[in-house]
Amino acid sequence: MHLTRFTDYGLRTLIYLAMRPDRLAQISDIAAAYRVSENHMTKVVHRLGQAGLIETIRGRQGGMRLAHPPAQIRIGDVVRKLEPDFALVECQGDGSCAIRGACGLERVLDEALAAMLAVLERYTLEDVIAGNMASLRRRLGLALPGEGAPGRVT
């Protein structure tokens, strides 16, 4: 299975926000940190807000933050909310396959997808960032005093 770039950016946005729980973030900051289009990031942030994963605050002092603590955000839940389609092949999608229902491939792929989603459900955003926070902050340009300069390995 291949996750869409949209879901990838959604997960990365959540990681970025988890790195700065005490401050609001701006779309421009996240887009710059990951070197992606602000336009595309705006769409991702909008969807994350619709999904209840982030809170957005309007106005001059506005921005966004996680809607829940990282330990309560399941990676599987995020993927389910952001991926538009889980069909791995045609027979799982619109049904245009000529041998649909006659072969066992659909069942096998359904089982594989369920297994992947079950693994993703076991992990939270906290699990993804735990043990790597200083390194993540440096790479995102968010290093705290004493964590070293961005780009420097300590």
N, C-alpha and C. Protein backbone atom coordinates (compact mmCIF):
# COMPACT_ATOMS: atom_id res chain seq x y z
N MET A 1 0.85 -1.18 0.00
CA MET A 1 0.00 0.00 0.00
C MET A 1 0.88 1.23 0.00
N HIS A 2 0.43 2.22 -0.66
CA HIS A 2 1.16 3.49 -0.73
C HIS A 2 0.26 4.58 -0.18
N LEU A 3 0.69 5.23 0.89
CA LEU A 3 -0.09 6.34 1.43
C LEU A 3 0.10 7.55 0.54
N THR A 4 -0.92 8.36 0.43
CA THR A 4 -0.83 9.57 -0.39
C THR A 4 0.10 10.59 0.25
N ARG A 5 0.59 11.49 -0.57
CA ARG A 5 1.42 12.59 -0.08
C ARG A 5 0.61 13.43 0.91
N PHE A 6 -0.68 13.54 0.67
CA PHE A 6 -1.57 14.30 1.55
C PHE A 6 -1.52 13.74 2.98
N THR A 7 -1.62 12.41 3.09
CA THR A 7 -1.56 11.77 4.41
C THR A 7 -0.18 11.92 5.02
N ASP A 8 0.86 11.79 4.21
CA ASP A 8 2.23 11.99 4.69
C ASP A 8 2.37 13.39 5.28
N TYR A 9 1.92 14.41 4.58
CA TYR A 9 2.01 15.78 5.09
C TYR A 9 1.14 15.97 6.33
N GLY A 10 0.01 15.28 6.39
CA GLY A 10 -0.83 15.35 7.58
C GLY A 10 -0.11 14.80 8.79
N LEU A 11 0.53 13.66 8.63
CA LEU A 11 1.29 13.06 9.73
C LEU A 11 2.46 13.96 10.13
N ARG A 12 3.14 14.50 9.15
CA ARG A 12 4.27 15.40 9.45
C ARG A 12 3.80 16.66 10.17
N THR A 13 2.63 17.17 9.78
CA THR A 13 2.09 18.35 10.46
C THR A 13 1.83 18.05 11.93
N LEU A 14 1.26 16.89 12.20
CA LEU A 14 1.00 16.50 13.59
C LEU A 14 2.30 16.36 14.37
N ILE A 15 3.34 15.82 13.75
CA ILE A 15 4.64 15.70 14.41
C ILE A 15 5.17 17.09 14.73
N TYR A 16 5.10 18.00 13.78
CA TYR A 16 5.57 19.37 13.99
C TYR A 16 4.83 20.00 15.18
N LEU A 17 3.52 19.87 15.21
CA LEU A 17 2.74 20.47 16.28
C LEU A 17 3.06 19.82 17.63
N ALA A 18 3.35 18.54 17.62
CA ALA A 18 3.71 17.85 18.87
C ALA A 18 5.04 18.34 19.42
N MET A 19 5.89 18.86 18.56
CA MET A 19 7.19 19.37 18.98
C MET A 19 7.11 20.72 19.69
N ARG A 20 5.97 21.38 19.56
CA ARG A 20 5.80 22.70 20.17
C ARG A 20 4.43 22.81 20.83
N PRO A 21 4.19 22.02 21.86
CA PRO A 21 2.86 21.97 22.47
C PRO A 21 2.43 23.27 23.16
N ASP A 22 3.38 24.11 23.49
CA ASP A 22 3.06 25.34 24.22
C ASP A 22 2.93 26.56 23.32
N ARG A 23 3.04 26.37 22.00
CA ARG A 23 2.96 27.51 21.09
C ARG A 23 2.09 27.17 19.89
N LEU A 24 1.43 28.19 19.36
CA LEU A 24 0.66 28.02 18.13
C LEU A 24 1.62 28.01 16.94
N ALA A 25 1.31 27.25 15.93
CA ALA A 25 2.14 27.18 14.73
C ALA A 25 1.39 27.80 13.56
N GLN A 26 2.14 28.27 12.61
CA GLN A 26 1.60 28.86 11.40
C GLN A 26 1.82 27.90 10.23
N ILE A 27 0.94 27.94 9.25
CA ILE A 27 1.10 27.12 8.05
C ILE A 27 2.43 27.41 7.38
N SER A 28 2.80 28.66 7.31
CA SER A 28 4.06 29.03 6.64
C SER A 28 5.27 28.40 7.32
N ASP A 29 5.24 28.30 8.65
CA ASP A 29 6.36 27.69 9.38
C ASP A 29 6.47 26.19 9.07
N ILE A 30 5.33 25.52 9.06
CA ILE A 30 5.33 24.08 8.79
C ILE A 30 5.75 23.82 7.35
N ALA A 31 5.21 24.59 6.42
CA ALA A 31 5.57 24.42 5.01
C ALA A 31 7.07 24.65 4.81
N ALA A 32 7.62 25.65 5.46
CA ALA A 32 9.05 25.93 5.34
C ALA A 32 9.89 24.80 5.96
N ALA A 33 9.47 24.32 7.11
CA ALA A 33 10.22 23.25 7.78
C ALA A 33 10.31 21.99 6.92
N TYR A 34 9.25 21.68 6.19
CA TYR A 34 9.22 20.48 5.36
C TYR A 34 9.49 20.75 3.89
N ARG A 35 9.68 22.02 3.55
CA ARG A 35 9.94 22.43 2.17
C ARG A 35 8.83 21.97 1.22
N VAL A 36 7.60 22.29 1.61
CA VAL A 36 6.43 21.97 0.79
C VAL A 36 5.64 23.25 0.53
N SER A 37 4.77 23.19 -0.43
CA SER A 37 3.94 24.32 -0.82
C SER A 37 2.99 24.73 0.31
N GLU A 38 2.92 26.04 0.57
CA GLU A 38 1.96 26.54 1.56
C GLU A 38 0.53 26.26 1.12
N ASN A 39 0.29 26.32 -0.16
CA ASN A 39 -1.05 26.04 -0.70
C ASN A 39 -1.47 24.60 -0.36
N HIS A 40 -0.58 23.66 -0.60
CA HIS A 40 -0.88 22.27 -0.30
C HIS A 40 -1.03 22.08 1.22
N MET A 41 -0.16 22.71 1.99
CA MET A 41 -0.22 22.59 3.45
C MET A 41 -1.52 23.18 3.99
N THR A 42 -2.03 24.22 3.36
CA THR A 42 -3.31 24.81 3.78
C THR A 42 -4.43 23.79 3.66
N LYS A 43 -4.44 23.03 2.57
CA LYS A 43 -5.46 21.99 2.37
C LYS A 43 -5.33 20.89 3.43
N VAL A 44 -4.09 20.51 3.74
CA VAL A 44 -3.85 19.47 4.74
C VAL A 44 -4.34 19.94 6.11
N VAL A 45 -3.99 21.16 6.47
CA VAL A 45 -4.39 21.72 7.77
C VAL A 45 -5.91 21.82 7.86
N HIS A 46 -6.54 22.23 6.78
CA HIS A 46 -8.00 22.32 6.77
C HIS A 46 -8.63 20.96 7.06
N ARG A 47 -8.11 19.93 6.41
CA ARG A 47 -8.64 18.58 6.61
C ARG A 47 -8.36 18.07 8.02
N LEU A 48 -7.17 18.36 8.56
CA LEU A 48 -6.86 17.95 9.94
C LEU A 48 -7.82 18.61 10.92
N GLY A 49 -8.18 19.86 10.65
CA GLY A 49 -9.15 20.56 11.49
C GLY A 49 -10.52 19.93 11.38
N GLN A 50 -10.95 19.62 10.17
CA GLN A 50 -12.25 18.96 9.96
C GLN A 50 -12.31 17.61 10.67
N ALA A 51 -11.18 16.92 10.71
CA ALA A 51 -11.11 15.59 11.32
C ALA A 51 -11.02 15.66 12.84
N GLY A 52 -10.91 16.88 13.39
CA GLY A 52 -10.82 17.03 14.84
C GLY A 52 -9.46 16.71 15.42
N LEU A 53 -8.43 16.70 14.57
CA LEU A 53 -7.09 16.37 15.03
C LEU A 53 -6.31 17.60 15.48
N ILE A 54 -6.66 18.75 14.93
CA ILE A 54 -6.02 20.00 15.34
C ILE A 54 -7.09 21.05 15.60
N GLU A 55 -6.70 22.05 16.36
CA GLU A 55 -7.55 23.22 16.59
C GLU A 55 -6.91 24.38 15.85
N THR A 56 -7.73 25.16 15.18
CA THR A 56 -7.22 26.35 14.51
C THR A 56 -7.82 27.58 15.18
N ILE A 57 -6.97 28.57 15.37
CA ILE A 57 -7.38 29.82 16.00
C ILE A 57 -7.17 30.93 14.99
N ARG A 58 -8.24 31.66 14.68
CA ARG A 58 -8.17 32.74 13.69
C ARG A 58 -7.64 34.03 14.32
N GLY A 59 -7.25 34.92 13.47
CA GLY A 59 -6.83 36.24 13.92
C GLY A 59 -5.33 36.45 13.84
N ARG A 60 -4.92 37.67 14.18
CA ARG A 60 -3.52 38.06 14.07
C ARG A 60 -2.62 37.19 14.93
N GLN A 61 -3.07 36.82 16.08
CA GLN A 61 -2.28 35.98 16.98
C GLN A 61 -2.66 34.50 16.83
N GLY A 62 -3.34 34.17 15.75
CA GLY A 62 -3.85 32.82 15.55
C GLY A 62 -2.79 31.83 15.10
N GLY A 63 -3.26 30.65 14.87
CA GLY A 63 -2.40 29.56 14.44
C GLY A 63 -3.11 28.25 14.67
N MET A 64 -2.33 27.21 14.90
CA MET A 64 -2.92 25.90 15.14
C MET A 64 -2.13 25.15 16.20
N ARG A 65 -2.81 24.16 16.78
CA ARG A 65 -2.18 23.28 17.77
C ARG A 65 -2.93 21.95 17.74
N LEU A 66 -2.34 20.95 18.36
CA LEU A 66 -3.01 19.65 18.44
C LEU A 66 -4.29 19.79 19.24
N ALA A 67 -5.31 19.07 18.84
CA ALA A 67 -6.59 19.09 19.55
C ALA A 67 -6.57 18.13 20.75
N HIS A 68 -5.61 17.21 20.76
CA HIS A 68 -5.50 16.21 21.82
C HIS A 68 -4.03 15.99 22.14
N PRO A 69 -3.71 15.49 23.32
CA PRO A 69 -2.32 15.15 23.62
C PRO A 69 -1.81 14.08 22.64
N PRO A 70 -0.52 14.10 22.30
CA PRO A 70 0.03 13.11 21.36
C PRO A 70 -0.26 11.66 21.73
N ALA A 71 -0.35 11.36 23.01
CA ALA A 71 -0.62 9.98 23.45
C ALA A 71 -2.03 9.53 23.11
N GLN A 72 -2.91 10.47 22.76
CA GLN A 72 -4.29 10.13 22.43
C GLN A 72 -4.56 10.13 20.93
N ILE A 73 -3.56 10.44 20.12
CA ILE A 73 -3.74 10.49 18.67
C ILE A 73 -3.14 9.22 18.07
N ARG A 74 -3.99 8.31 17.62
CA ARG A 74 -3.57 7.03 17.04
C ARG A 74 -3.23 7.23 15.56
N ILE A 75 -2.08 6.70 15.17
CA ILE A 75 -1.62 6.84 13.78
C ILE A 75 -2.64 6.19 12.82
N GLY A 76 -3.18 5.05 13.19
CA GLY A 76 -4.18 4.40 12.35
C GLY A 76 -5.41 5.26 12.14
N ASP A 77 -5.83 5.95 13.19
CA ASP A 77 -6.99 6.84 13.09
C ASP A 77 -6.70 7.99 12.13
N VAL A 78 -5.50 8.54 12.23
CA VAL A 78 -5.11 9.65 11.33
C VAL A 78 -5.14 9.17 9.88
N VAL A 79 -4.55 8.01 9.63
CA VAL A 79 -4.51 7.48 8.26
C VAL A 79 -5.92 7.24 7.74
N ARG A 80 -6.77 6.66 8.56
CA ARG A 80 -8.15 6.41 8.13
C ARG A 80 -8.88 7.71 7.79
N LYS A 81 -8.61 8.77 8.56
CA LYS A 81 -9.29 10.05 8.33
C LYS A 81 -8.75 10.81 7.13
N LEU A 82 -7.50 10.56 6.75
CA LEU A 82 -6.89 11.33 5.67
C LEU A 82 -6.83 10.62 4.33
N GLU A 83 -6.76 9.30 4.33
CA GLU A 83 -6.68 8.56 3.07
C GLU A 83 -8.04 8.55 2.38
N PRO A 84 -8.10 8.90 1.12
CA PRO A 84 -9.38 8.95 0.42
C PRO A 84 -9.91 7.58 0.01
N ASP A 85 -9.02 6.60 -0.17
CA ASP A 85 -9.43 5.33 -0.73
C ASP A 85 -8.44 4.25 -0.30
N PHE A 86 -8.93 3.16 0.21
CA PHE A 86 -8.06 2.06 0.63
C PHE A 86 -8.04 0.91 -0.36
N ALA A 87 -8.61 1.07 -1.52
CA ALA A 87 -8.59 0.01 -2.52
C ALA A 87 -7.17 -0.17 -3.04
N LEU A 88 -6.64 -1.38 -2.89
CA LEU A 88 -5.29 -1.66 -3.37
C LEU A 88 -5.29 -2.03 -4.85
N VAL A 89 -6.39 -2.63 -5.30
CA VAL A 89 -6.55 -3.00 -6.71
C VAL A 89 -8.00 -2.73 -7.11
N GLU A 90 -8.29 -2.83 -8.42
CA GLU A 90 -9.62 -2.49 -8.94
C GLU A 90 -10.77 -3.25 -8.29
N CYS A 91 -10.57 -4.53 -8.00
CA CYS A 91 -11.68 -5.31 -7.48
C CYS A 91 -12.14 -4.82 -6.11
N GLN A 92 -11.29 -4.08 -5.42
CA GLN A 92 -11.67 -3.53 -4.13
C GLN A 92 -12.34 -2.16 -4.30
N GLY A 93 -12.19 -1.59 -5.45
CA GLY A 93 -12.73 -0.25 -5.69
C GLY A 93 -14.08 -0.29 -6.37
N ASP A 94 -14.09 0.13 -7.62
CA ASP A 94 -15.36 0.28 -8.34
C ASP A 94 -15.92 -1.03 -8.90
N GLY A 95 -15.18 -2.12 -8.77
CA GLY A 95 -15.69 -3.41 -9.20
C GLY A 95 -15.61 -3.67 -10.68
N SER A 96 -14.74 -2.98 -11.39
CA SER A 96 -14.68 -3.15 -12.84
C SER A 96 -13.83 -4.35 -13.28
N CYS A 97 -13.30 -5.12 -12.35
CA CYS A 97 -12.47 -6.27 -12.69
C CYS A 97 -13.33 -7.39 -13.27
N ALA A 98 -12.89 -7.98 -14.37
CA ALA A 98 -13.65 -9.03 -15.07
C ALA A 98 -13.77 -10.31 -14.25
N ILE A 99 -12.84 -10.56 -13.31
CA ILE A 99 -12.90 -11.81 -12.54
C ILE A 99 -13.29 -11.56 -11.08
N ARG A 100 -13.85 -10.39 -10.81
CA ARG A 100 -14.26 -10.07 -9.45
C ARG A 100 -15.22 -11.13 -8.92
N GLY A 101 -14.95 -11.57 -7.71
CA GLY A 101 -15.80 -12.57 -7.08
C GLY A 101 -15.42 -14.00 -7.42
N ALA A 102 -14.60 -14.20 -8.44
CA ALA A 102 -14.20 -15.55 -8.84
C ALA A 102 -12.80 -15.90 -8.33
N CYS A 103 -12.00 -14.90 -8.00
CA CYS A 103 -10.65 -15.18 -7.51
C CYS A 103 -10.55 -14.79 -6.04
N GLY A 104 -9.50 -15.24 -5.40
CA GLY A 104 -9.32 -14.96 -3.97
C GLY A 104 -8.45 -13.76 -3.68
N LEU A 105 -8.03 -13.03 -4.70
CA LEU A 105 -7.13 -11.91 -4.49
C LEU A 105 -7.75 -10.82 -3.62
N GLU A 106 -9.01 -10.52 -3.83
CA GLU A 106 -9.67 -9.47 -3.05
C GLU A 106 -9.62 -9.80 -1.56
N ARG A 107 -9.90 -11.04 -1.21
CA ARG A 107 -9.88 -11.46 0.20
C ARG A 107 -8.48 -11.32 0.79
N VAL A 108 -7.47 -11.74 0.04
CA VAL A 108 -6.08 -11.67 0.51
C VAL A 108 -5.68 -10.22 0.74
N LEU A 109 -6.01 -9.34 -0.20
CA LEU A 109 -5.64 -7.94 -0.07
C LEU A 109 -6.42 -7.25 1.05
N ASP A 110 -7.67 -7.62 1.24
CA ASP A 110 -8.44 -7.08 2.36
C ASP A 110 -7.78 -7.45 3.69
N GLU A 111 -7.31 -8.69 3.78
CA GLU A 111 -6.64 -9.15 4.99
C GLU A 111 -5.33 -8.39 5.22
N ALA A 112 -4.58 -8.19 4.15
CA ALA A 112 -3.32 -7.45 4.25
C ALA A 112 -3.55 -6.01 4.70
N LEU A 113 -4.55 -5.36 4.14
CA LEU A 113 -4.88 -3.99 4.52
C LEU A 113 -5.30 -3.92 5.98
N ALA A 114 -6.13 -4.88 6.40
CA ALA A 114 -6.57 -4.91 7.80
C ALA A 114 -5.39 -5.08 8.74
N ALA A 115 -4.42 -5.91 8.35
CA ALA A 115 -3.23 -6.12 9.17
C ALA A 115 -2.41 -4.83 9.29
N MET A 116 -2.24 -4.14 8.17
CA MET A 116 -1.49 -2.89 8.20
C MET A 116 -2.17 -1.86 9.10
N LEU A 117 -3.48 -1.73 8.96
CA LEU A 117 -4.21 -0.76 9.78
C LEU A 117 -4.18 -1.16 11.26
N ALA A 118 -4.19 -2.44 11.54
CA ALA A 118 -4.10 -2.91 12.93
C ALA A 118 -2.76 -2.52 13.54
N VAL A 119 -1.69 -2.61 12.79
CA VAL A 119 -0.38 -2.19 13.28
C VAL A 119 -0.38 -0.69 13.53
N LEU A 120 -0.89 0.09 12.60
CA LEU A 120 -0.93 1.55 12.77
C LEU A 120 -1.76 1.95 13.98
N GLU A 121 -2.80 1.20 14.28
CA GLU A 121 -3.65 1.49 15.45
C GLU A 121 -2.92 1.27 16.77
N ARG A 122 -1.88 0.46 16.76
CA ARG A 122 -1.12 0.20 17.99
C ARG A 122 -0.24 1.37 18.39
N TYR A 123 0.00 2.30 17.49
CA TYR A 123 0.94 3.39 17.75
C TYR A 123 0.22 4.74 17.81
N THR A 124 0.77 5.60 18.67
CA THR A 124 0.24 6.95 18.82
C THR A 124 1.29 7.94 18.33
N LEU A 125 0.87 9.18 18.23
CA LEU A 125 1.79 10.25 17.89
C LEU A 125 2.92 10.33 18.92
N GLU A 126 2.59 10.08 20.17
CA GLU A 126 3.60 10.06 21.24
C GLU A 126 4.66 9.00 20.95
N ASP A 127 4.26 7.82 20.50
CA ASP A 127 5.21 6.76 20.18
C ASP A 127 6.15 7.18 19.06
N VAL A 128 5.64 7.93 18.12
CA VAL A 128 6.42 8.35 16.95
C VAL A 128 7.50 9.36 17.33
N ILE A 129 7.21 10.22 18.29
CA ILE A 129 8.16 11.27 18.65
C ILE A 129 9.03 10.91 19.85
N ALA A 130 8.59 9.98 20.69
CA ALA A 130 9.32 9.63 21.92
C ALA A 130 10.73 9.16 21.59
N GLY A 131 11.68 9.66 22.34
CA GLY A 131 13.06 9.26 22.16
C GLY A 131 13.79 10.02 21.06
N ASN A 132 13.07 10.79 20.26
CA ASN A 132 13.68 11.52 19.14
C ASN A 132 13.39 13.01 19.19
N MET A 133 12.87 13.50 20.29
CA MET A 133 12.40 14.88 20.32
C MET A 133 13.50 15.90 20.04
N ALA A 134 14.66 15.75 20.64
CA ALA A 134 15.73 16.73 20.41
C ALA A 134 16.15 16.72 18.94
N SER A 135 16.30 15.54 18.37
CA SER A 135 16.69 15.43 16.97
C SER A 135 15.60 15.99 16.05
N LEU A 136 14.36 15.68 16.34
CA LEU A 136 13.26 16.22 15.53
C LEU A 136 13.23 17.73 15.61
N ARG A 137 13.37 18.28 16.80
CA ARG A 137 13.36 19.75 16.94
C ARG A 137 14.49 20.38 16.14
N ARG A 138 15.69 19.79 16.21
CA ARG A 138 16.82 20.35 15.45
C ARG A 138 16.52 20.33 13.96
N ARG A 139 16.03 19.21 13.48
CA ARG A 139 15.79 19.09 12.04
C ARG A 139 14.66 19.98 11.54
N LEU A 140 13.74 20.32 12.45
CA LEU A 140 12.62 21.20 12.08
C LEU A 140 12.91 22.66 12.40
N GLY A 141 14.11 22.94 12.90
CA GLY A 141 14.47 24.31 13.25
C GLY A 141 13.79 24.79 14.51
N LEU A 142 13.47 23.87 15.43
CA LEU A 142 12.74 24.20 16.66
C LEU A 142 13.56 23.88 17.90
N ALA A 143 14.87 23.77 17.77
CA ALA A 143 15.71 23.34 18.89
C ALA A 143 15.55 24.27 20.08
N LEU A 144 15.48 23.66 21.26
CA LEU A 144 15.42 24.40 22.51
C LEU A 144 16.83 24.72 22.96
N PRO A 145 17.02 25.71 23.83
CA PRO A 145 18.36 25.99 24.34
C PRO A 145 18.98 24.72 24.92
N GLY A 146 20.24 24.48 24.55
CA GLY A 146 20.93 23.30 25.05
C GLY A 146 20.77 22.08 24.16
N GLU A 147 19.92 22.15 23.14
CA GLU A 147 19.75 21.01 22.24
C GLU A 147 20.61 21.11 20.99
N GLY A 148 21.42 22.13 20.90
CA GLY A 148 22.29 22.28 19.73
C GLY A 148 21.62 23.06 18.63
N ALA A 149 22.43 23.53 17.72
CA ALA A 149 21.93 24.34 16.60
C ALA A 149 21.25 23.45 15.57
N PRO A 150 20.28 24.02 14.84
CA PRO A 150 19.63 23.25 13.77
C PRO A 150 20.66 22.73 12.79
N GLY A 151 20.51 21.46 12.42
CA GLY A 151 21.41 20.87 11.44
C GLY A 151 22.69 20.30 12.04
N ARG A 152 22.98 20.63 13.30
CA ARG A 152 24.16 20.12 13.96
C ARG A 152 23.84 18.86 14.72
N VAL A 153 24.62 17.83 14.55
CA VAL A 153 24.40 16.60 15.28
C VAL A 153 25.17 16.66 16.58
N THR A 154 24.46 16.45 17.69
CA THR A 154 25.13 16.47 19.00
C THR A 154 24.94 15.16 19.70
